[in-house]
């Protein structure tokens, strides 16, 4: 999704990713930023397990990513594979592994490995709904779009309700105390 640096947009993005996992459109979703405790509560209210995975950036900085999913065994498998590892986004094995965990069509992962961001048949607005780059001529991604649109519409409703319930914008904090 575009324009992800505004705190309100991060909250909406977190709810959207959470709904995609809660609805099992994606096996797992990953948040690469801290979220407020009330957003975390909404995610857990969707039936999601939220678990930390500590990673190391290329520059040596230590980061915490939050994994969201409905199946604790899949979350544990992801943690075992990635806990403490250096983030290496463009290795073919990592791309294939993350495609499996995050529900990206295998054809899109393979196309990304051979030619990242190759032109595809999606409208800009359709591609912006996704968290993977659709491959040229993809037969799977167009079937996902209605599911993604519905999840985004629900995320917007949840986000608006969250904003109304708190009467303003809440500062983002890491939910360390709420995750195990």
N, C-alpha and C. Protein backbone atom coordinates (compact mmCIF):
# COMPACT_ATOMS: atom_id res chain seq x y z
N UNK A 1 0.84 -1.16 0.00
CA UNK A 1 0.00 0.00 0.00
C UNK A 1 0.90 1.24 0.00
N UNK A 2 0.41 2.31 -0.58
CA UNK A 2 1.19 3.52 -0.74
C UNK A 2 1.02 4.46 0.45
N UNK A 3 1.96 5.39 0.61
CA UNK A 3 1.88 6.44 1.63
C UNK A 3 1.81 5.85 3.03
N UNK A 4 2.76 4.97 3.37
CA UNK A 4 2.66 4.23 4.62
C UNK A 4 3.29 4.90 5.82
N UNK A 5 3.82 6.09 5.70
CA UNK A 5 4.56 6.68 6.81
C UNK A 5 3.71 7.45 7.80
N UNK A 6 2.49 7.82 7.45
CA UNK A 6 1.63 8.53 8.40
C UNK A 6 1.11 7.55 9.45
N UNK A 7 1.09 7.96 10.74
CA UNK A 7 0.61 7.04 11.79
C UNK A 7 -0.79 6.49 11.52
N UNK A 8 -1.71 7.32 11.05
CA UNK A 8 -3.06 6.83 10.76
C UNK A 8 -3.03 5.78 9.66
N UNK A 9 -2.18 5.97 8.67
CA UNK A 9 -2.07 5.02 7.58
C UNK A 9 -1.47 3.71 8.08
N UNK A 10 -0.51 3.79 9.00
CA UNK A 10 0.08 2.58 9.57
C UNK A 10 -0.97 1.77 10.32
N UNK A 11 -1.84 2.45 11.05
CA UNK A 11 -2.90 1.74 11.76
C UNK A 11 -3.85 1.06 10.80
N UNK A 12 -4.28 1.77 9.77
CA UNK A 12 -5.17 1.18 8.77
C UNK A 12 -4.49 -0.01 8.10
N UNK A 13 -3.23 0.15 7.76
CA UNK A 13 -2.45 -0.91 7.13
C UNK A 13 -2.39 -2.14 8.04
N UNK A 14 -2.16 -1.92 9.33
CA UNK A 14 -2.10 -3.04 10.29
C UNK A 14 -3.44 -3.77 10.36
N UNK A 15 -4.53 -3.01 10.39
CA UNK A 15 -5.86 -3.65 10.42
C UNK A 15 -6.14 -4.40 9.12
N UNK A 16 -5.75 -3.83 8.00
CA UNK A 16 -5.93 -4.47 6.70
C UNK A 16 -5.15 -5.78 6.65
N UNK A 17 -3.87 -5.73 7.02
CA UNK A 17 -3.07 -6.96 7.02
C UNK A 17 -3.64 -7.98 8.00
N UNK A 18 -4.12 -7.49 9.14
CA UNK A 18 -4.73 -8.40 10.11
C UNK A 18 -5.96 -9.08 9.56
N UNK A 19 -6.81 -8.33 8.89
CA UNK A 19 -8.02 -8.93 8.31
C UNK A 19 -7.68 -9.94 7.21
N UNK A 20 -6.66 -9.65 6.42
CA UNK A 20 -6.25 -10.62 5.39
C UNK A 20 -5.83 -11.94 6.02
N UNK A 21 -5.15 -11.87 7.17
CA UNK A 21 -4.76 -13.10 7.87
C UNK A 21 -5.95 -13.73 8.59
N UNK A 22 -6.78 -12.91 9.25
CA UNK A 22 -7.93 -13.44 9.99
C UNK A 22 -8.90 -14.15 9.06
N UNK A 23 -9.04 -13.63 7.85
CA UNK A 23 -9.94 -14.25 6.87
C UNK A 23 -9.26 -15.37 6.08
N UNK A 24 -8.02 -15.65 6.45
CA UNK A 24 -7.21 -16.71 5.82
C UNK A 24 -6.99 -16.49 4.33
N UNK A 25 -7.01 -15.24 3.91
CA UNK A 25 -6.63 -14.89 2.54
C UNK A 25 -5.12 -15.01 2.42
N UNK A 26 -4.44 -14.69 3.53
CA UNK A 26 -2.99 -14.85 3.65
C UNK A 26 -2.76 -15.75 4.88
N UNK A 27 -1.85 -16.73 4.80
CA UNK A 27 -1.57 -17.55 5.99
C UNK A 27 -1.05 -16.70 7.15
N UNK A 28 -0.16 -15.78 6.85
CA UNK A 28 0.41 -14.86 7.83
C UNK A 28 0.47 -13.46 7.23
N UNK A 29 0.50 -12.48 8.10
CA UNK A 29 0.83 -11.11 7.72
C UNK A 29 1.95 -10.65 8.63
N UNK A 30 2.69 -9.64 8.18
CA UNK A 30 3.82 -9.13 8.97
C UNK A 30 3.72 -7.62 9.07
N UNK A 31 3.89 -7.13 10.29
CA UNK A 31 3.98 -5.69 10.53
C UNK A 31 5.44 -5.38 10.81
N UNK A 32 5.97 -4.42 10.09
CA UNK A 32 7.38 -4.05 10.24
C UNK A 32 7.52 -2.72 10.98
N UNK A 33 6.52 -2.40 11.80
CA UNK A 33 6.48 -1.14 12.53
C UNK A 33 5.68 -1.37 13.81
N UNK A 34 5.88 -0.51 14.82
CA UNK A 34 5.12 -0.66 16.06
C UNK A 34 3.67 -0.23 15.87
N UNK A 35 2.79 -0.79 16.67
CA UNK A 35 1.38 -0.40 16.64
C UNK A 35 0.94 -0.11 18.07
N UNK A 36 -0.12 0.67 18.20
CA UNK A 36 -0.63 1.02 19.52
C UNK A 36 -1.32 -0.18 20.16
N UNK A 37 -1.45 -0.12 21.47
CA UNK A 37 -2.07 -1.23 22.19
C UNK A 37 -3.53 -1.42 21.79
N UNK A 38 -4.25 -0.35 21.43
CA UNK A 38 -5.64 -0.54 21.03
C UNK A 38 -5.75 -1.18 19.64
N UNK A 39 -4.80 -0.90 18.76
CA UNK A 39 -4.77 -1.60 17.46
C UNK A 39 -4.43 -3.07 17.69
N UNK A 40 -3.46 -3.31 18.56
CA UNK A 40 -3.11 -4.69 18.89
C UNK A 40 -4.33 -5.43 19.44
N UNK A 41 -5.08 -4.76 20.30
CA UNK A 41 -6.29 -5.38 20.85
C UNK A 41 -7.31 -5.71 19.77
N UNK A 42 -7.46 -4.82 18.80
CA UNK A 42 -8.38 -5.09 17.68
C UNK A 42 -7.90 -6.30 16.88
N UNK A 43 -6.60 -6.39 16.64
CA UNK A 43 -6.06 -7.52 15.90
C UNK A 43 -6.31 -8.83 16.65
N UNK A 44 -6.06 -8.83 17.94
CA UNK A 44 -6.31 -10.02 18.74
C UNK A 44 -7.80 -10.33 18.80
N UNK A 45 -8.64 -9.29 18.77
CA UNK A 45 -10.08 -9.47 18.75
C UNK A 45 -10.58 -10.12 17.47
N UNK A 46 -9.77 -10.06 16.42
CA UNK A 46 -10.10 -10.74 15.17
C UNK A 46 -9.75 -12.23 15.22
N UNK A 47 -9.22 -12.67 16.36
CA UNK A 47 -8.83 -14.07 16.51
C UNK A 47 -7.40 -14.34 16.08
N UNK A 48 -6.61 -13.27 15.97
CA UNK A 48 -5.24 -13.44 15.52
C UNK A 48 -4.29 -13.66 16.68
N UNK A 49 -3.30 -14.48 16.43
CA UNK A 49 -2.14 -14.59 17.31
C UNK A 49 -1.15 -13.57 16.79
N UNK A 50 -0.59 -12.78 17.70
CA UNK A 50 0.41 -11.76 17.34
C UNK A 50 1.70 -12.15 18.03
N UNK A 51 2.76 -12.34 17.24
CA UNK A 51 4.03 -12.81 17.81
C UNK A 51 5.20 -12.02 17.25
N UNK A 52 6.18 -11.72 18.10
CA UNK A 52 7.36 -10.98 17.63
C UNK A 52 8.36 -11.90 16.93
N UNK A 53 9.06 -11.32 15.98
CA UNK A 53 10.22 -11.96 15.37
C UNK A 53 11.29 -10.89 15.30
N UNK A 54 12.40 -11.15 15.95
CA UNK A 54 13.49 -10.18 15.96
C UNK A 54 14.41 -10.47 14.79
N UNK A 55 14.71 -9.39 14.04
CA UNK A 55 15.55 -9.52 12.85
C UNK A 55 16.69 -8.51 12.93
N UNK A 56 17.63 -8.66 12.03
CA UNK A 56 18.77 -7.75 11.97
C UNK A 56 18.77 -7.11 10.58
N UNK A 57 18.78 -5.78 10.54
CA UNK A 57 18.83 -5.06 9.27
C UNK A 57 20.22 -5.20 8.66
N UNK A 58 20.33 -4.90 7.38
CA UNK A 58 21.61 -4.95 6.69
C UNK A 58 22.67 -4.08 7.38
N UNK A 59 22.25 -2.97 8.00
CA UNK A 59 23.20 -2.07 8.67
C UNK A 59 23.50 -2.49 10.11
N UNK A 60 22.96 -3.64 10.54
CA UNK A 60 23.20 -4.15 11.88
C UNK A 60 22.16 -3.77 12.92
N UNK A 61 21.25 -2.88 12.57
CA UNK A 61 20.20 -2.47 13.52
C UNK A 61 19.30 -3.66 13.84
N UNK A 62 18.90 -3.75 15.09
CA UNK A 62 18.00 -4.82 15.52
C UNK A 62 16.56 -4.33 15.40
N UNK A 63 15.71 -5.14 14.79
CA UNK A 63 14.33 -4.78 14.53
C UNK A 63 13.40 -5.84 15.08
N UNK A 64 12.18 -5.44 15.41
CA UNK A 64 11.15 -6.40 15.78
C UNK A 64 10.02 -6.29 14.77
N UNK A 65 9.70 -7.40 14.15
CA UNK A 65 8.54 -7.50 13.26
C UNK A 65 7.47 -8.26 14.02
N UNK A 66 6.21 -7.98 13.70
CA UNK A 66 5.09 -8.63 14.35
C UNK A 66 4.40 -9.52 13.32
N UNK A 67 4.28 -10.80 13.64
CA UNK A 67 3.65 -11.77 12.75
C UNK A 67 2.23 -12.00 13.24
N UNK A 68 1.28 -11.94 12.31
CA UNK A 68 -0.14 -12.11 12.60
C UNK A 68 -0.64 -13.35 11.88
N UNK A 69 -1.38 -14.18 12.56
CA UNK A 69 -1.96 -15.35 11.91
C UNK A 69 -2.94 -16.05 12.83
N UNK A 70 -3.63 -17.02 12.26
CA UNK A 70 -4.60 -17.79 13.03
C UNK A 70 -4.07 -19.14 13.46
N UNK A 71 -2.96 -19.58 12.89
CA UNK A 71 -2.41 -20.90 13.17
C UNK A 71 -1.08 -20.75 13.93
N UNK A 72 -1.09 -21.02 15.24
CA UNK A 72 0.14 -20.87 16.02
C UNK A 72 1.30 -21.71 15.49
N UNK A 73 1.01 -22.86 14.90
CA UNK A 73 2.10 -23.72 14.39
C UNK A 73 2.81 -23.05 13.21
N UNK A 74 2.07 -22.38 12.35
CA UNK A 74 2.68 -21.69 11.21
C UNK A 74 3.48 -20.49 11.70
N UNK A 75 2.95 -19.79 12.69
CA UNK A 75 3.68 -18.66 13.27
C UNK A 75 4.99 -19.16 13.88
N UNK A 76 4.93 -20.24 14.62
CA UNK A 76 6.13 -20.80 15.25
C UNK A 76 7.15 -21.22 14.19
N UNK A 77 6.67 -21.82 13.12
CA UNK A 77 7.56 -22.22 12.02
C UNK A 77 8.27 -21.00 11.44
N UNK A 78 7.53 -19.92 11.23
CA UNK A 78 8.13 -18.69 10.72
C UNK A 78 9.17 -18.16 11.70
N UNK A 79 8.83 -18.16 13.00
CA UNK A 79 9.77 -17.69 14.01
C UNK A 79 11.06 -18.51 13.99
N UNK A 80 10.93 -19.82 13.91
CA UNK A 80 12.11 -20.68 13.89
C UNK A 80 12.98 -20.42 12.66
N UNK A 81 12.35 -20.13 11.54
CA UNK A 81 13.10 -19.90 10.31
C UNK A 81 13.77 -18.53 10.28
N UNK A 82 13.13 -17.51 10.87
CA UNK A 82 13.62 -16.14 10.69
C UNK A 82 14.13 -15.44 11.94
N UNK A 83 13.85 -15.94 13.14
CA UNK A 83 14.29 -15.27 14.37
C UNK A 83 15.80 -15.07 14.36
N UNK A 84 16.23 -13.82 14.57
CA UNK A 84 17.64 -13.48 14.66
C UNK A 84 18.40 -13.40 13.35
N UNK A 85 17.71 -13.61 12.24
CA UNK A 85 18.40 -13.61 10.95
C UNK A 85 18.51 -12.19 10.37
N UNK A 86 19.48 -12.02 9.50
CA UNK A 86 19.64 -10.76 8.78
C UNK A 86 18.63 -10.71 7.65
N UNK A 87 18.02 -9.56 7.48
CA UNK A 87 17.02 -9.37 6.43
C UNK A 87 17.73 -9.34 5.08
N UNK A 88 17.40 -10.30 4.24
CA UNK A 88 17.96 -10.39 2.89
C UNK A 88 16.79 -10.61 1.93
N UNK A 89 16.22 -9.51 1.48
CA UNK A 89 14.97 -9.55 0.74
C UNK A 89 15.04 -10.18 -0.64
N UNK A 90 16.13 -10.06 -1.33
CA UNK A 90 16.12 -10.42 -2.75
C UNK A 90 16.77 -11.76 -3.07
N UNK A 91 16.95 -12.61 -2.07
CA UNK A 91 17.46 -13.94 -2.34
C UNK A 91 16.31 -14.84 -2.80
N UNK A 92 16.50 -15.62 -3.84
CA UNK A 92 15.40 -16.47 -4.33
C UNK A 92 14.76 -17.35 -3.26
N UNK A 93 15.57 -17.94 -2.39
CA UNK A 93 15.00 -18.80 -1.34
C UNK A 93 14.12 -18.03 -0.37
N UNK A 94 14.53 -16.82 -0.03
CA UNK A 94 13.75 -15.98 0.88
C UNK A 94 12.45 -15.56 0.20
N UNK A 95 12.53 -15.19 -1.06
CA UNK A 95 11.32 -14.78 -1.80
C UNK A 95 10.32 -15.94 -1.85
N UNK A 96 10.80 -17.13 -2.15
CA UNK A 96 9.90 -18.30 -2.21
C UNK A 96 9.31 -18.61 -0.83
N UNK A 97 10.13 -18.56 0.20
CA UNK A 97 9.67 -18.84 1.56
C UNK A 97 8.61 -17.83 1.99
N UNK A 98 8.92 -16.55 1.80
CA UNK A 98 7.96 -15.53 2.21
C UNK A 98 6.69 -15.57 1.37
N UNK A 99 6.79 -15.97 0.12
CA UNK A 99 5.59 -16.13 -0.72
C UNK A 99 4.67 -17.17 -0.08
N UNK A 100 5.24 -18.27 0.40
CA UNK A 100 4.42 -19.31 1.05
C UNK A 100 3.78 -18.77 2.34
N UNK A 101 4.59 -18.14 3.18
CA UNK A 101 4.08 -17.65 4.46
C UNK A 101 3.05 -16.54 4.29
N UNK A 102 3.26 -15.66 3.32
CA UNK A 102 2.41 -14.48 3.20
C UNK A 102 1.39 -14.57 2.08
N UNK A 103 1.21 -15.75 1.51
CA UNK A 103 0.12 -15.98 0.57
C UNK A 103 0.30 -15.35 -0.80
N UNK A 104 1.54 -15.18 -1.24
CA UNK A 104 1.76 -14.66 -2.58
C UNK A 104 1.71 -15.82 -3.56
N UNK A 105 1.05 -15.65 -4.70
CA UNK A 105 1.00 -16.74 -5.67
C UNK A 105 2.42 -17.16 -6.08
N UNK A 106 2.68 -18.47 -6.16
CA UNK A 106 4.02 -18.94 -6.56
C UNK A 106 4.47 -18.38 -7.91
N UNK A 107 3.54 -18.22 -8.85
CA UNK A 107 3.91 -17.68 -10.16
C UNK A 107 4.44 -16.26 -10.03
N UNK A 108 3.87 -15.49 -9.11
CA UNK A 108 4.32 -14.10 -8.90
C UNK A 108 5.70 -14.08 -8.24
N UNK A 109 5.93 -15.00 -7.31
CA UNK A 109 7.24 -15.07 -6.66
C UNK A 109 8.31 -15.43 -7.68
N UNK A 110 8.03 -16.42 -8.52
CA UNK A 110 9.01 -16.83 -9.54
C UNK A 110 9.26 -15.72 -10.54
N UNK A 111 8.21 -15.02 -10.94
CA UNK A 111 8.39 -13.90 -11.87
C UNK A 111 9.20 -12.79 -11.23
N UNK A 112 8.97 -12.54 -9.94
CA UNK A 112 9.72 -11.50 -9.24
C UNK A 112 11.20 -11.86 -9.16
N UNK A 113 11.49 -13.13 -8.96
CA UNK A 113 12.88 -13.58 -8.90
C UNK A 113 13.58 -13.33 -10.23
N UNK A 114 12.89 -13.63 -11.32
CA UNK A 114 13.53 -13.48 -12.64
C UNK A 114 13.49 -12.06 -13.17
N UNK A 115 12.43 -11.30 -12.86
CA UNK A 115 12.34 -9.91 -13.32
C UNK A 115 11.46 -9.12 -12.36
N UNK A 116 12.08 -8.54 -11.31
CA UNK A 116 11.29 -7.80 -10.32
C UNK A 116 10.49 -6.67 -10.98
N UNK A 117 9.28 -6.53 -10.55
CA UNK A 117 8.39 -5.44 -10.98
C UNK A 117 8.18 -5.41 -12.50
N UNK A 118 8.14 -6.57 -13.10
CA UNK A 118 7.82 -6.63 -14.53
C UNK A 118 6.42 -6.07 -14.74
N UNK A 119 6.18 -5.37 -15.84
CA UNK A 119 4.84 -4.84 -16.09
C UNK A 119 3.79 -5.96 -16.06
N UNK A 120 2.64 -5.64 -15.48
CA UNK A 120 1.54 -6.62 -15.45
C UNK A 120 0.27 -5.97 -15.98
N UNK A 121 -0.81 -6.72 -15.97
CA UNK A 121 -2.07 -6.25 -16.54
C UNK A 121 -2.98 -5.55 -15.54
N UNK A 122 -2.52 -5.37 -14.31
CA UNK A 122 -3.37 -4.75 -13.29
C UNK A 122 -3.36 -3.24 -13.40
N UNK A 123 -4.48 -2.64 -13.07
CA UNK A 123 -4.54 -1.18 -12.94
C UNK A 123 -3.70 -0.79 -11.72
N UNK A 124 -3.21 0.42 -11.70
CA UNK A 124 -2.38 0.90 -10.59
C UNK A 124 -3.13 0.73 -9.26
N UNK A 125 -4.43 1.02 -9.25
CA UNK A 125 -5.22 0.91 -8.03
C UNK A 125 -5.33 -0.54 -7.57
N UNK A 126 -5.38 -1.48 -8.51
CA UNK A 126 -5.44 -2.90 -8.14
C UNK A 126 -4.11 -3.35 -7.55
N UNK A 127 -3.01 -2.99 -8.20
CA UNK A 127 -1.69 -3.38 -7.70
C UNK A 127 -1.47 -2.79 -6.31
N UNK A 128 -1.97 -1.59 -6.07
CA UNK A 128 -1.78 -0.93 -4.78
C UNK A 128 -2.51 -1.65 -3.64
N UNK A 129 -3.49 -2.48 -3.93
CA UNK A 129 -4.19 -3.26 -2.91
C UNK A 129 -3.32 -4.38 -2.36
N UNK A 130 -2.33 -4.79 -3.12
CA UNK A 130 -1.57 -6.01 -2.86
C UNK A 130 -0.31 -5.75 -2.06
N UNK A 131 0.23 -6.82 -1.51
CA UNK A 131 1.52 -6.77 -0.82
C UNK A 131 2.56 -7.60 -1.57
N UNK A 132 2.22 -7.99 -2.78
CA UNK A 132 3.17 -8.63 -3.69
C UNK A 132 2.99 -7.99 -5.06
N UNK A 133 3.98 -8.14 -5.92
CA UNK A 133 3.85 -7.62 -7.28
C UNK A 133 3.30 -8.74 -8.16
N UNK A 134 2.14 -8.50 -8.76
CA UNK A 134 1.51 -9.51 -9.61
C UNK A 134 2.37 -9.74 -10.85
N UNK A 135 2.47 -10.98 -11.26
CA UNK A 135 3.27 -11.30 -12.44
C UNK A 135 2.47 -11.01 -13.72
N UNK A 136 3.17 -10.83 -14.82
CA UNK A 136 2.46 -10.60 -16.09
C UNK A 136 1.54 -11.78 -16.41
N UNK A 137 0.30 -11.49 -16.72
CA UNK A 137 -0.65 -12.53 -17.10
C UNK A 137 -1.10 -13.43 -15.96
N UNK A 138 -0.93 -12.99 -14.71
CA UNK A 138 -1.27 -13.82 -13.56
C UNK A 138 -2.73 -14.26 -13.61
N UNK A 139 -2.96 -15.52 -13.34
CA UNK A 139 -4.31 -16.06 -13.29
C UNK A 139 -4.86 -16.12 -11.86
N UNK A 140 -3.97 -16.01 -10.87
CA UNK A 140 -4.36 -16.14 -9.47
C UNK A 140 -4.74 -14.78 -8.86
N UNK A 141 -3.88 -13.80 -9.04
CA UNK A 141 -4.07 -12.50 -8.39
C UNK A 141 -5.42 -11.86 -8.70
N UNK A 142 -5.91 -11.87 -9.94
CA UNK A 142 -7.23 -11.26 -10.18
C UNK A 142 -8.35 -11.87 -9.33
N UNK A 143 -8.22 -13.15 -8.99
CA UNK A 143 -9.23 -13.79 -8.14
C UNK A 143 -9.11 -13.34 -6.68
N UNK A 144 -7.93 -12.85 -6.30
CA UNK A 144 -7.72 -12.36 -4.93
C UNK A 144 -8.25 -10.94 -4.74
N UNK A 145 -8.31 -10.17 -5.81
CA UNK A 145 -8.65 -8.74 -5.69
C UNK A 145 -9.97 -8.48 -4.98
N UNK A 146 -11.07 -9.20 -5.29
CA UNK A 146 -12.31 -8.92 -4.55
C UNK A 146 -12.17 -9.20 -3.04
N UNK A 147 -11.39 -10.20 -2.69
CA UNK A 147 -11.17 -10.52 -1.28
C UNK A 147 -10.37 -9.41 -0.60
N UNK A 148 -9.37 -8.90 -1.30
CA UNK A 148 -8.56 -7.80 -0.76
C UNK A 148 -9.41 -6.53 -0.63
N UNK A 149 -10.23 -6.25 -1.64
CA UNK A 149 -11.09 -5.06 -1.57
C UNK A 149 -12.02 -5.13 -0.37
N UNK A 150 -12.63 -6.28 -0.16
CA UNK A 150 -13.56 -6.45 0.97
C UNK A 150 -12.82 -6.30 2.30
N UNK A 151 -11.63 -6.86 2.40
CA UNK A 151 -10.84 -6.73 3.63
C UNK A 151 -10.46 -5.28 3.87
N UNK A 152 -10.09 -4.56 2.83
CA UNK A 152 -9.72 -3.15 2.99
C UNK A 152 -10.94 -2.32 3.42
N UNK A 153 -12.10 -2.60 2.85
CA UNK A 153 -13.31 -1.87 3.25
C UNK A 153 -13.62 -2.12 4.73
N UNK A 154 -13.49 -3.35 5.17
CA UNK A 154 -13.72 -3.68 6.58
C UNK A 154 -12.65 -3.03 7.46
N UNK A 155 -11.41 -3.01 7.01
CA UNK A 155 -10.33 -2.37 7.78
C UNK A 155 -10.62 -0.88 7.94
N UNK A 156 -11.13 -0.26 6.90
CA UNK A 156 -11.48 1.17 7.00
C UNK A 156 -12.58 1.38 8.04
N UNK A 157 -13.58 0.50 8.06
CA UNK A 157 -14.65 0.61 9.06
C UNK A 157 -14.10 0.42 10.47
N UNK A 158 -13.26 -0.59 10.65
CA UNK A 158 -12.66 -0.82 11.97
C UNK A 158 -11.80 0.36 12.40
N UNK A 159 -11.04 0.90 11.46
CA UNK A 159 -10.16 2.02 11.77
C UNK A 159 -10.96 3.25 12.17
N UNK A 160 -12.03 3.51 11.45
CA UNK A 160 -12.87 4.66 11.78
C UNK A 160 -13.49 4.47 13.16
N UNK A 161 -13.95 3.27 13.47
CA UNK A 161 -14.49 2.99 14.80
C UNK A 161 -13.45 3.16 15.89
N UNK A 162 -12.23 2.74 15.61
CA UNK A 162 -11.13 2.89 16.56
C UNK A 162 -10.84 4.37 16.81
N UNK A 163 -10.79 5.14 15.74
CA UNK A 163 -10.52 6.58 15.87
C UNK A 163 -11.63 7.28 16.65
N UNK A 164 -12.88 6.91 16.38
CA UNK A 164 -14.00 7.52 17.12
C UNK A 164 -13.95 7.14 18.59
N UNK A 165 -13.60 5.89 18.87
CA UNK A 165 -13.59 5.42 20.26
C UNK A 165 -12.52 6.10 21.10
N UNK A 166 -11.46 6.53 20.48
CA UNK A 166 -10.38 7.17 21.25
C UNK A 166 -10.44 8.69 21.16
N UNK A 167 -11.27 9.22 20.28
CA UNK A 167 -11.43 10.67 20.19
C UNK A 167 -10.22 11.40 19.66
N UNK A 168 -9.43 10.77 18.84
CA UNK A 168 -8.26 11.42 18.26
C UNK A 168 -7.26 10.40 17.79
N UNK A 169 -6.06 10.84 17.56
CA UNK A 169 -5.00 9.97 17.07
C UNK A 169 -4.10 9.60 18.24
N UNK A 170 -3.84 8.33 18.39
CA UNK A 170 -3.00 7.85 19.47
C UNK A 170 -1.57 7.67 18.99
N UNK A 171 -0.62 7.97 19.85
CA UNK A 171 0.79 7.79 19.55
C UNK A 171 1.08 6.29 19.38
N UNK A 172 1.93 5.95 18.42
CA UNK A 172 2.29 4.56 18.18
C UNK A 172 3.31 4.09 19.21
N UNK A 173 3.10 2.88 19.74
CA UNK A 173 4.05 2.30 20.68
C UNK A 173 4.18 0.83 20.34
N UNK A 174 5.30 0.25 20.71
CA UNK A 174 5.51 -1.18 20.47
C UNK A 174 4.74 -1.99 21.50
N UNK A 175 4.04 -3.04 21.08
CA UNK A 175 3.22 -3.83 21.99
C UNK A 175 3.99 -4.97 22.66
N UNK A 176 5.19 -4.71 23.15
CA UNK A 176 6.01 -5.77 23.73
C UNK A 176 5.32 -6.48 24.89
N UNK A 177 4.67 -5.73 25.77
CA UNK A 177 4.07 -6.33 26.94
C UNK A 177 2.90 -7.24 26.61
N UNK A 178 2.30 -7.10 25.42
CA UNK A 178 1.09 -7.86 25.10
C UNK A 178 1.39 -9.09 24.27
N UNK A 179 2.62 -9.28 23.85
CA UNK A 179 2.95 -10.41 22.98
C UNK A 179 3.83 -11.39 23.72
N UNK A 180 3.67 -12.64 23.35
CA UNK A 180 4.56 -13.66 23.94
C UNK A 180 4.96 -14.65 22.90
